[in-house]
Amino acid sequence: MGIGDKAEELKGKLKAAVGDATDDPRMEAEGRTEEASAKIKQDTESIVDALHDAGSARKGSDDAG
C-alpha cells in the first residue's frame, strides 16, 4: 500500500468530515468519493502484490522440480 494512497484516503475522510460539520453535502460527497477511490487503489495494489508473490512462489517451485 502506497503512502500516497493512505494520505489520499485520510484527505478524503477529512474533507467528508468538514463537509458534514459545515452542512455542505457536496464537499462531504467529494470527500467520501476520494476516500473510496484511495481504498480501491490500496486494494488493487494488495491484489497485484499477492498475485506477484504467488507467481514468484510458483516459479520457485517449478525451478526446484
Protein backbone atom coordinates (compact mmCIF):
# COMPACT_ATOMS: atom_id res chain seq x y z
CA MET A 1 0.00 0.00 0.00
CA GLY A 2 1.41 3.32 -1.02
CA ILE A 3 1.84 6.16 1.40
CA GLY A 4 0.24 8.50 -1.13
CA ASP A 5 -2.88 6.35 -1.27
CA LYS A 6 -3.18 6.34 2.52
CA ALA A 7 -2.71 10.12 2.57
CA GLU A 8 -5.40 10.46 -0.12
CA GLU A 9 -7.74 8.32 1.98
CA LEU A 10 -7.15 10.47 5.06
CA LYS A 11 -7.64 13.64 2.99
CA GLY A 12 -10.97 12.26 1.80
CA LYS A 13 -12.04 11.44 5.36
CA LEU A 14 -11.11 14.93 6.49
CA LYS A 15 -12.94 16.56 3.58
CA ALA A 16 -16.04 14.45 4.29
CA ALA A 17 -15.91 15.41 7.98
CA VAL A 18 -15.57 19.11 7.17
CA GLY A 19 -18.46 18.84 4.70
CA ASP A 20 -20.57 17.16 7.35
CA ALA A 21 -19.64 19.71 10.02
CA THR A 22 -20.34 22.67 7.74
CA ASP A 23 -23.53 21.18 6.32
CA ASP A 24 -22.01 21.05 2.82
CA PRO A 25 -23.32 17.84 1.20
CA ARG A 26 -21.27 18.37 -1.95
CA MET A 27 -17.98 18.58 -0.05
CA GLU A 28 -18.97 15.60 2.08
CA ALA A 29 -19.76 13.55 -1.04
CA GLU A 30 -16.48 14.57 -2.69
CA GLY A 31 -14.59 13.52 0.42
CA ARG A 32 -16.31 10.15 0.55
CA THR A 33 -15.58 9.64 -3.15
CA GLU A 34 -11.90 10.46 -2.67
CA GLU A 35 -11.74 8.13 0.32
CA ALA A 36 -13.36 5.29 -1.62
CA SER A 37 -11.07 5.85 -4.60
CA ALA A 38 -8.00 5.64 -2.38
CA LYS A 39 -9.27 2.44 -0.77
CA ILE A 40 -9.84 0.88 -4.19
CA LYS A 41 -6.28 1.78 -5.20
CA GLN A 42 -4.95 0.22 -2.00
CA ASP A 43 -6.98 -2.95 -2.50
CA THR A 44 -5.85 -3.20 -6.13
CA GLU A 45 -2.21 -2.84 -5.09
CA SER A 46 -2.69 -5.56 -2.47
CA ILE A 47 -4.19 -7.91 -5.05
CA VAL A 48 -1.39 -7.22 -7.54
CA ASP A 49 1.21 -7.83 -4.83
CA ALA A 50 -0.47 -11.09 -3.82
CA LEU A 51 -0.59 -12.28 -7.42
CA HIS A 52 3.04 -11.32 -7.90
CA ASP A 53 4.03 -13.20 -4.73
CA ALA A 54 2.03 -16.25 -5.81
CA GLY A 55 3.67 -16.17 -9.23
CA SER A 56 7.12 -15.88 -7.68
CA ALA A 57 6.41 -18.76 -5.31
CA ARG A 58 5.14 -20.91 -8.16
CA LYS A 59 8.15 -20.07 -10.31
CA GLY A 60 10.40 -21.04 -7.42
CA SER A 61 8.66 -24.40 -7.02
CA ASP A 62 8.88 -25.01 -10.79
CA ASP A 63 12.64 -24.43 -10.67
CA ALA A 64 13.05 -26.98 -7.87
CA GLY A 65 11.45 -29.81 -9.84
